[in-house]
């Protein structure tokens, strides 16, 4: 998963922004998507120990330490390598994580959405804070670690692991009944917007690709060795 160039980010953000706006509107207006959402939830909810464990992947106590380790490693690696503004990518990752509660809490209070029948009666379930935490924590860690990681196979494994963790947490939250499916999808969109900022910083501060000099040293004659 290469970091997208900064110029491509506005186009990539259009879909999650529009989808988030649509879902939020449907939640506020109790639109037809809410009926579909509730029927889908009834078909998926089956509280068990596994779904609870998967949902815990979105806990702050689980996801944030993973991000903290990645931030520390990227900061150390950048400073040790003498990179300019080595502190900027870790700062972007930390800021994205800090924005999760700052954005989710007001949205929960504004939408005031009730929970599923599987949880005690309450409101403030939209969007899913656990999903947003998982998306931003694991996603930001992945984006920042892709720079130092040079092995293509290693990069693919890292991206796949991030996707598995986010999807597992999302599935667990819906399966356990902690959130409606649309709560989770909305948090995917919100997380994508926050990760776009991290991707932009990571793309601008990534170390340059070192070109091979083998051709110039062995395949192309220099002025001193060429024919006179």
Protein backbone atom coordinates (compact mmCIF):
# COMPACT_ATOMS: atom_id res chain seq x y z
CA UNK A 1 0.00 0.00 0.00
CA UNK A 2 2.05 2.97 -1.17
CA UNK A 3 1.37 6.30 0.47
CA UNK A 4 -0.83 8.29 -1.93
CA UNK A 5 0.70 11.49 -3.29
CA UNK A 6 -0.61 14.67 -1.64
CA UNK A 7 -2.28 15.81 -4.89
CA UNK A 8 -4.43 12.67 -4.98
CA UNK A 9 -5.77 13.05 -1.43
CA UNK A 10 -8.68 15.45 -2.19
CA UNK A 11 -10.11 13.04 -4.77
CA UNK A 12 -9.66 10.08 -2.45
CA UNK A 13 -11.40 11.93 0.38
CA UNK A 14 -14.52 12.80 -1.60
CA UNK A 15 -16.17 9.39 -1.16
CA UNK A 16 -15.73 9.01 2.63
CA UNK A 17 -16.78 12.61 3.25
CA UNK A 18 -19.94 12.26 1.18
CA UNK A 19 -20.76 8.86 2.66
CA UNK A 20 -20.29 10.16 6.19
CA UNK A 21 -22.57 13.11 5.45
CA UNK A 22 -25.22 10.80 4.00
CA UNK A 23 -25.18 8.42 6.97
CA UNK A 24 -25.27 11.28 9.49
CA UNK A 25 -28.23 12.81 7.70
CA UNK A 26 -30.05 9.48 7.75
CA UNK A 27 -29.40 9.07 11.48
CA UNK A 28 -30.66 12.56 12.27
CA UNK A 29 -33.71 12.26 10.00
CA UNK A 30 -34.45 8.60 10.84
CA UNK A 31 -34.36 7.93 7.10
CA UNK A 32 -34.88 4.68 5.19
CA UNK A 33 -31.26 3.61 5.63
CA UNK A 34 -31.89 3.32 9.36
CA UNK A 35 -34.52 0.63 8.77
CA UNK A 36 -32.08 -1.33 6.62
CA UNK A 37 -29.41 -0.84 9.26
CA UNK A 38 -31.65 -2.19 12.02
CA UNK A 39 -32.65 -5.25 10.01
CA UNK A 40 -29.03 -5.99 9.19
CA UNK A 41 -28.11 -5.66 12.85
CA UNK A 42 -30.80 -8.14 13.89
CA UNK A 43 -29.43 -10.63 11.39
CA UNK A 44 -25.82 -10.21 12.55
CA UNK A 45 -26.06 -9.81 16.32
CA UNK A 46 -25.03 -12.90 18.25
CA UNK A 47 -23.26 -11.95 21.48
CA UNK A 48 -20.53 -14.39 22.42
CA UNK A 49 -17.05 -14.38 23.91
CA UNK A 50 -15.28 -14.21 20.56
CA UNK A 51 -17.19 -11.14 19.39
CA UNK A 52 -16.43 -9.44 22.69
CA UNK A 53 -12.72 -10.16 22.34
CA UNK A 54 -12.69 -8.86 18.78
CA UNK A 55 -14.51 -5.70 19.83
CA UNK A 56 -11.79 -5.13 22.44
CA UNK A 57 -9.32 -4.53 19.60
CA UNK A 58 -10.88 -1.07 19.39
CA UNK A 59 -10.30 -0.29 23.06
CA UNK A 60 -8.01 2.64 23.78
CA UNK A 61 -6.01 0.40 26.12
CA UNK A 62 -5.26 -1.99 23.24
CA UNK A 63 -5.00 0.15 20.09
CA UNK A 64 -3.27 3.29 21.39
CA UNK A 65 -0.21 1.47 22.82
CA UNK A 66 0.31 -0.12 19.39
CA UNK A 67 0.34 3.35 17.84
CA UNK A 68 2.60 4.68 20.59
CA UNK A 69 5.21 2.01 19.87
CA UNK A 70 5.07 2.82 16.15
CA UNK A 71 5.41 6.55 16.83
CA UNK A 72 8.41 6.00 19.07
CA UNK A 73 10.12 3.75 16.53
CA UNK A 74 9.53 6.14 13.61
CA UNK A 75 10.79 9.08 15.67
CA UNK A 76 13.93 7.18 16.71
CA UNK A 77 14.57 5.90 13.20
CA UNK A 78 14.13 9.35 11.65
CA UNK A 79 16.33 11.11 14.18
CA UNK A 80 19.03 8.45 14.03
CA UNK A 81 19.03 8.73 10.24
CA UNK A 82 19.49 12.49 10.38
CA UNK A 83 16.26 13.13 8.50
CA UNK A 84 14.93 16.67 8.32
CA UNK A 85 11.76 17.23 10.35
CA UNK A 86 11.94 13.68 11.70
CA UNK A 87 9.45 14.66 14.38
CA UNK A 88 6.69 15.63 11.94
CA UNK A 89 5.30 12.16 10.98
CA UNK A 90 5.03 10.99 14.63
CA UNK A 91 3.39 14.28 15.53
CA UNK A 92 0.85 13.84 12.71
CA UNK A 93 0.01 10.34 13.95
CA UNK A 94 -0.41 11.52 17.53
CA UNK A 95 -2.57 14.46 16.44
CA UNK A 96 -4.84 12.21 14.37
CA UNK A 97 -5.35 9.98 17.39
CA UNK A 98 -6.08 12.96 19.64
CA UNK A 99 -8.72 14.19 17.19
CA UNK A 100 -10.73 10.96 17.49
CA UNK A 101 -12.37 11.76 20.86
CA UNK A 102 -12.49 15.46 20.00
CA UNK A 103 -14.67 14.69 16.97
CA UNK A 104 -16.56 11.60 18.10
CA UNK A 105 -17.82 12.95 21.43
CA UNK A 106 -19.66 15.99 19.96
CA UNK A 107 -21.10 13.84 17.16
CA UNK A 108 -22.46 11.36 19.70
CA UNK A 109 -24.11 14.17 21.66
CA UNK A 110 -25.51 15.77 18.50
CA UNK A 111 -26.97 12.65 16.87
CA UNK A 112 -28.15 11.09 20.16
CA UNK A 113 -28.67 7.69 18.54
CA UNK A 114 -29.99 4.84 20.73
CA UNK A 115 -28.09 1.60 21.01
CA UNK A 116 -29.08 -1.83 19.80
CA UNK A 117 -31.38 -4.13 21.83
CA UNK A 118 -28.26 -6.08 22.89
CA UNK A 119 -27.04 -3.24 25.14
CA UNK A 120 -28.71 -1.41 28.04
CA UNK A 121 -30.99 1.47 26.96
CA UNK A 122 -28.85 4.52 26.27
CA UNK A 123 -28.06 7.05 23.55
CA UNK A 124 -24.92 8.41 21.92
CA UNK A 125 -23.85 5.42 19.88
CA UNK A 126 -23.15 7.22 16.60
CA UNK A 127 -20.45 7.13 15.38
CA UNK A 128 -18.52 4.23 16.90
CA UNK A 129 -15.62 5.50 18.98
CA UNK A 130 -14.07 2.04 19.19
CA UNK A 131 -14.07 1.70 15.41
CA UNK A 132 -12.58 5.15 14.91
CA UNK A 133 -9.90 4.34 17.49
CA UNK A 134 -9.00 1.11 15.68
CA UNK A 135 -8.94 2.73 12.23
CA UNK A 136 -6.75 5.65 13.26
CA UNK A 137 -4.43 3.80 15.65
CA UNK A 138 -3.69 0.82 13.42
CA UNK A 139 -3.94 2.84 10.22
CA UNK A 140 -1.58 5.60 11.34
CA UNK A 141 0.91 3.05 12.66
CA UNK A 142 0.84 1.30 9.29
CA UNK A 143 1.25 4.48 7.25
CA UNK A 144 4.22 5.62 9.32
CA UNK A 145 5.94 2.23 9.34
CA UNK A 146 5.65 1.82 5.56
CA UNK A 147 8.42 4.41 5.12
CA UNK A 148 11.19 2.63 7.05
CA UNK A 149 10.02 -0.77 5.84
CA UNK A 150 11.71 -1.47 2.48
CA UNK A 151 10.72 -5.08 1.88
CA UNK A 152 7.71 -5.30 -0.50
CA UNK A 153 6.61 -8.52 1.19
CA UNK A 154 6.91 -6.90 4.60
CA UNK A 155 4.85 -3.92 3.48
CA UNK A 156 2.10 -6.18 2.17
CA UNK A 157 2.04 -8.13 5.42
CA UNK A 158 1.84 -4.89 7.42
CA UNK A 159 -1.08 -3.56 5.37
CA UNK A 160 -2.88 -6.92 5.56
CA UNK A 161 -2.41 -7.03 9.34
CA UNK A 162 -3.85 -3.51 9.67
CA UNK A 163 -6.89 -4.48 7.59
CA UNK A 164 -7.44 -7.64 9.63
CA UNK A 165 -7.29 -5.77 12.94
CA UNK A 166 -9.71 -3.05 11.81
CA UNK A 167 -12.17 -5.47 10.23
CA UNK A 168 -12.00 -7.82 13.22
CA UNK A 169 -12.75 -4.98 15.65
CA UNK A 170 -15.59 -3.74 13.42
CA UNK A 171 -17.11 -7.20 13.09
CA UNK A 172 -16.86 -7.79 16.83
CA UNK A 173 -18.63 -4.51 17.63
CA UNK A 174 -21.55 -5.35 15.33
CA UNK A 175 -21.69 -9.04 16.22
CA UNK A 176 -21.68 -8.32 19.95
CA UNK A 177 -24.36 -5.69 19.45
CA UNK A 178 -22.30 -2.81 20.80
CA UNK A 179 -22.99 -0.79 17.63
CA UNK A 180 -25.26 -0.66 14.61
CA UNK A 181 -23.51 -1.41 11.30
CA UNK A 182 -23.87 2.21 10.13
CA UNK A 183 -22.14 3.42 13.30
CA UNK A 184 -19.13 1.40 12.22
CA UNK A 185 -19.21 2.43 8.55
CA UNK A 186 -19.41 6.10 9.55
CA UNK A 187 -16.31 5.69 11.71
CA UNK A 188 -14.47 4.11 8.77
CA UNK A 189 -15.20 7.30 6.84
CA UNK A 190 -14.16 9.54 9.71
CA UNK A 191 -10.98 7.56 10.19
CA UNK A 192 -10.16 7.77 6.49
CA UNK A 193 -10.30 11.56 6.66
CA UNK A 194 -7.98 11.67 9.66
CA UNK A 195 -5.57 9.20 8.09
CA UNK A 196 -5.41 11.33 4.96
CA UNK A 197 -3.56 13.97 6.97
CA UNK A 198 -1.10 11.37 8.25
CA UNK A 199 -0.61 10.05 4.71
CA UNK A 200 0.05 13.54 3.41
CA UNK A 201 2.74 14.20 6.01
CA UNK A 202 4.27 10.74 5.55
CA UNK A 203 4.39 11.26 1.78
CA UNK A 204 6.05 14.67 2.05
CA UNK A 205 8.68 13.57 4.56
CA UNK A 206 9.45 10.10 3.17
CA UNK A 207 13.15 9.50 2.45
CA UNK A 208 14.09 9.67 -1.24
CA UNK A 209 14.47 6.44 -3.15
CA UNK A 210 18.11 5.64 -3.72
CA UNK A 211 18.84 4.99 -7.37
CA UNK A 212 21.15 2.18 -8.33
CA UNK A 213 24.51 3.29 -9.68
CA UNK A 214 25.36 -0.07 -11.18
CA UNK A 215 24.48 1.01 -14.72
CA UNK A 216 26.55 4.19 -14.58
CA UNK A 217 29.53 2.37 -13.15
CA UNK A 218 29.53 -0.65 -15.43
CA UNK A 219 27.30 -0.09 -18.44
CA UNK A 220 27.87 3.51 -19.43
CA UNK A 221 31.37 4.59 -20.45
CA UNK A 222 32.65 7.72 -18.78
CA UNK A 223 34.45 10.54 -20.53
CA UNK A 224 37.80 9.22 -19.32
CA UNK A 225 37.34 5.68 -20.60
CA UNK A 226 35.41 6.32 -23.79
CA UNK A 227 36.96 6.51 -27.23
CA UNK A 228 39.05 9.62 -27.90
